[in-house]
Amino acid sequence: MELVFATANQNKAKEIQTLIPPFIKIKSLNDINCLEDIPETQTTIEGNASQKAFYVFEKYKVNCFADDTGLEVEALNGRPGVLSARYAGEMKDANANMDKILLELKGVENRKARFKTVISLVIDGEEHLFEGIVDGEILTEKRGKDGFGYDPLFMPNGYNKSFAEMDLSEKNKISHRARATYKLLEYLKQIKPA
């Protein structure tokens, strides 16, 4: 069985391949010559993940999964949420996005936040959703050099360092993406080889 991961990142596809049963072969968007920008026009994280997966399934006639991730800040009524990558503008600048959050939370005591990843898996037109959430808080300043996106601002509950201060193996044990991916993998392991 072949399954396309709706990403152009070959390393992400290879990483998933090492985790799933060998009878499922993971391909990336490059492997199916999908080079266009896949639309992400929905108002929710779940909606964007579904939109991407169904776009690939319908246009390329392949089974597929796609993910979308957002940071939800309680004091900002769940923003930036689905707009996380573009929060400070279309240039998708991580530092500008973090600076905007810090400005909006200046003097705010409630710094509760959560990262949420949703994976949409479409097999033969049928969709299955897998969600991963990690709760934490927004720091008052950026800390750490690793990671990407909002990682320097986000400290998960039960830890005294940001995601950007953790090494990748530590972050991958607890991250939202890891939790959603684990649920996807558990589902894929139940599929019997044809």
Protein backbone atom coordinates (compact mmCIF):
# COMPACT_ATOMS: atom_id res chain seq x y z
CA MET A 1 0.00 0.00 0.00
CA GLU A 2 1.25 3.47 -0.88
CA LEU A 3 0.41 6.51 1.20
CA VAL A 4 1.31 10.09 0.32
CA PHE A 5 2.30 12.46 3.11
CA ALA A 6 1.22 15.93 1.94
CA THR A 7 4.63 17.48 2.51
CA ALA A 8 7.46 18.48 0.22
CA ASN A 9 9.92 17.70 3.03
CA GLN A 10 11.58 14.38 2.13
CA ASN A 11 13.04 14.06 5.65
CA LYS A 12 9.58 14.21 7.22
CA ALA A 13 8.41 11.47 4.86
CA LYS A 14 11.46 9.29 5.63
CA GLU A 15 10.99 9.78 9.36
CA ILE A 16 7.39 8.56 9.19
CA GLN A 17 8.46 5.60 7.01
CA THR A 18 10.73 4.30 9.76
CA LEU A 19 7.81 4.22 12.19
CA ILE A 20 5.14 2.39 10.24
CA PRO A 21 4.66 -1.20 9.02
CA PRO A 22 6.94 -1.99 6.05
CA PHE A 23 4.03 -2.92 3.74
CA ILE A 24 2.98 0.77 3.73
CA LYS A 25 5.25 2.85 1.50
CA ILE A 26 5.32 6.58 2.29
CA LYS A 27 5.72 9.06 -0.56
CA SER A 28 6.08 12.83 -0.43
CA LEU A 29 4.41 15.40 -2.70
CA ASN A 30 7.61 15.51 -4.77
CA ASP A 31 7.29 11.78 -5.43
CA ILE A 32 3.90 12.32 -7.15
CA ASN A 33 5.03 15.53 -8.92
CA CYS A 34 2.72 17.72 -6.84
CA LEU A 35 4.68 20.97 -6.90
CA GLU A 36 1.87 23.50 -6.48
CA ASP A 37 0.87 25.23 -3.26
CA ILE A 38 -1.97 23.24 -1.72
CA PRO A 39 -4.82 25.51 -0.58
CA GLU A 40 -5.26 26.21 3.14
CA THR A 41 -8.35 28.41 3.25
CA GLN A 42 -10.36 26.88 6.09
CA THR A 43 -11.18 28.59 9.38
CA THR A 44 -10.01 25.72 11.60
CA ILE A 45 -6.89 23.59 11.99
CA GLU A 46 -9.01 20.47 11.35
CA GLY A 47 -10.45 22.10 8.22
CA ASN A 48 -7.03 22.90 6.77
CA ALA A 49 -5.72 19.37 7.40
CA SER A 50 -8.82 17.92 5.69
CA GLN A 51 -8.63 20.36 2.80
CA LYS A 52 -5.00 19.44 2.09
CA ALA A 53 -5.59 15.68 2.32
CA PHE A 54 -8.70 15.72 0.11
CA TYR A 55 -7.00 18.04 -2.40
CA VAL A 56 -4.21 15.49 -2.93
CA PHE A 57 -6.60 12.51 -2.87
CA GLU A 58 -8.99 14.02 -5.43
CA LYS A 59 -6.42 15.58 -7.78
CA TYR A 60 -3.81 12.79 -7.74
CA LYS A 61 -6.05 9.78 -6.96
CA VAL A 62 -3.78 8.58 -4.13
CA ASN A 63 -4.39 7.77 -0.49
CA CYS A 64 -2.96 10.58 1.56
CA PHE A 65 -2.51 12.22 4.93
CA ALA A 66 -1.89 15.87 5.77
CA ASP A 67 -1.37 17.79 8.96
CA ASP A 68 -1.95 21.30 10.21
CA THR A 69 -0.76 22.86 13.45
CA GLY A 70 -1.63 25.96 15.40
CA LEU A 71 -0.84 27.73 18.66
CA GLU A 72 -3.92 28.64 20.68
CA VAL A 73 -3.49 31.29 23.40
CA GLU A 74 -6.28 31.42 25.99
CA ALA A 75 -6.05 35.18 26.71
CA LEU A 76 -6.23 35.86 22.95
CA ASN A 77 -9.46 33.84 22.54
CA GLY A 78 -7.59 31.00 20.86
CA ARG A 79 -5.57 33.16 18.47
CA PRO A 80 -3.42 32.80 16.47
CA GLY A 81 -4.88 29.29 15.90
CA VAL A 82 -5.39 28.52 12.23
CA LEU A 83 -3.52 31.76 11.37
CA SER A 84 -0.38 30.75 13.31
CA ALA A 85 2.03 30.77 10.35
CA ARG A 86 0.72 34.11 9.03
CA TYR A 87 -0.15 35.84 12.31
CA ALA A 88 2.04 38.89 11.63
CA GLY A 89 1.50 38.83 7.86
CA GLU A 90 1.77 36.78 4.69
CA MET A 91 5.58 36.61 4.87
CA LYS A 92 5.27 33.85 7.52
CA ASP A 93 8.05 35.39 9.65
CA ALA A 94 8.42 33.42 12.90
CA ASN A 95 10.12 36.27 14.77
CA ALA A 96 7.45 38.77 13.72
CA ASN A 97 4.74 36.29 14.80
CA MET A 98 6.38 35.85 18.23
CA ASP A 99 6.86 39.61 18.65
CA LYS A 100 3.17 40.18 17.93
CA ILE A 101 2.17 37.62 20.59
CA LEU A 102 4.54 39.17 23.15
CA LEU A 103 3.11 42.61 22.46
CA GLU A 104 -0.49 41.40 22.76
CA LEU A 105 0.29 39.61 26.06
CA LYS A 106 2.26 42.50 27.61
CA GLY A 107 1.02 42.87 31.17
CA VAL A 108 -1.37 39.88 30.83
CA GLU A 109 -1.14 37.37 33.69
CA ASN A 110 -3.00 34.50 32.00
CA ARG A 111 -0.39 33.02 29.68
CA LYS A 112 -2.01 29.60 29.18
CA ALA A 113 -1.63 28.23 25.67
CA ARG A 114 -1.64 24.99 23.78
CA PHE A 115 -0.21 23.63 20.56
CA LYS A 116 -2.60 21.54 18.49
CA THR A 117 -1.83 19.32 15.52
CA VAL A 118 -4.52 17.58 13.50
CA ILE A 119 -3.73 14.88 10.94
CA SER A 120 -6.30 14.03 8.28
CA LEU A 121 -5.88 10.58 6.72
CA VAL A 122 -7.90 9.89 3.56
CA ILE A 123 -7.97 6.28 2.37
CA ASP A 124 -10.29 5.39 -0.52
CA GLY A 125 -12.21 8.62 0.10
CA GLU A 126 -12.82 7.91 3.78
CA GLU A 127 -11.35 10.36 6.30
CA HIS A 128 -9.94 9.68 9.76
CA LEU A 129 -8.76 12.54 12.03
CA PHE A 130 -6.03 12.30 14.68
CA GLU A 131 -5.40 15.11 17.15
CA GLY A 132 -2.41 15.87 19.35
CA ILE A 133 -2.40 18.61 22.00
CA VAL A 134 0.25 19.82 24.42
CA ASP A 135 -0.68 22.37 27.08
CA GLY A 136 1.71 24.98 28.37
CA GLU A 137 2.26 28.70 28.66
CA ILE A 138 3.71 31.62 26.74
CA LEU A 139 6.97 32.90 28.20
CA THR A 140 7.64 36.65 28.60
CA GLU A 141 10.66 36.40 26.27
CA LYS A 142 12.09 34.09 23.62
CA ARG A 143 14.32 31.34 25.00
CA GLY A 144 16.40 28.78 23.12
CA LYS A 145 17.80 28.37 19.64
CA ASP A 146 16.38 25.03 18.50
CA GLY A 147 12.99 24.22 17.05
CA PHE A 148 10.98 26.52 14.80
CA GLY A 149 7.86 28.67 14.76
CA TYR A 150 6.72 29.61 18.26
CA ASP A 151 9.02 27.11 20.03
CA PRO A 152 11.15 29.80 21.79
CA LEU A 153 8.00 31.24 23.45
CA PHE A 154 6.24 28.01 24.44
CA MET A 155 6.98 26.16 27.68
CA PRO A 156 5.05 22.89 28.06
CA ASN A 157 3.43 22.11 31.41
CA GLY A 158 5.72 20.20 33.76
CA TYR A 159 8.92 21.62 32.23
CA ASN A 160 11.07 24.64 33.03
CA LYS A 161 12.33 25.21 29.50
CA SER A 162 10.86 26.18 26.16
CA PHE A 163 10.50 23.80 23.23
CA ALA A 164 13.43 25.68 21.65
CA GLU A 165 15.63 24.83 24.66
CA MET A 166 14.94 21.09 24.30
CA ASP A 167 16.83 18.78 22.02
CA LEU A 168 14.74 17.24 19.27
CA SER A 169 14.44 13.80 20.88
CA GLU A 170 13.11 15.32 24.11
CA LYS A 171 10.63 17.54 22.29
CA ASN A 172 9.47 14.65 20.08
CA LYS A 173 8.49 12.62 23.14
CA ILE A 174 5.90 15.18 24.23
CA SER A 175 5.05 17.41 21.25
CA HIS A 176 1.62 17.91 19.77
CA ARG A 177 2.85 16.63 16.39
CA ALA A 178 4.31 13.52 18.01
CA ARG A 179 1.03 12.82 19.84
CA ALA A 180 -1.05 13.13 16.66
CA THR A 181 1.47 11.07 14.67
CA TYR A 182 1.44 8.32 17.32
CA LYS A 183 -2.36 8.03 16.95
CA LEU A 184 -2.00 7.88 13.15
CA LEU A 185 0.66 5.17 13.43
CA GLU A 186 -1.46 3.11 15.81
CA TYR A 187 -4.28 3.24 13.28
CA LEU A 188 -2.00 2.32 10.36
CA LYS A 189 -0.67 -0.69 12.28
CA GLN A 190 -4.21 -2.10 12.36
CA ILE A 191 -4.46 -2.09 8.57
CA LYS A 192 -3.84 -5.53 7.15
CA PRO A 193 -1.57 -5.93 4.11
CA ALA A 194 -3.50 -6.53 0.88
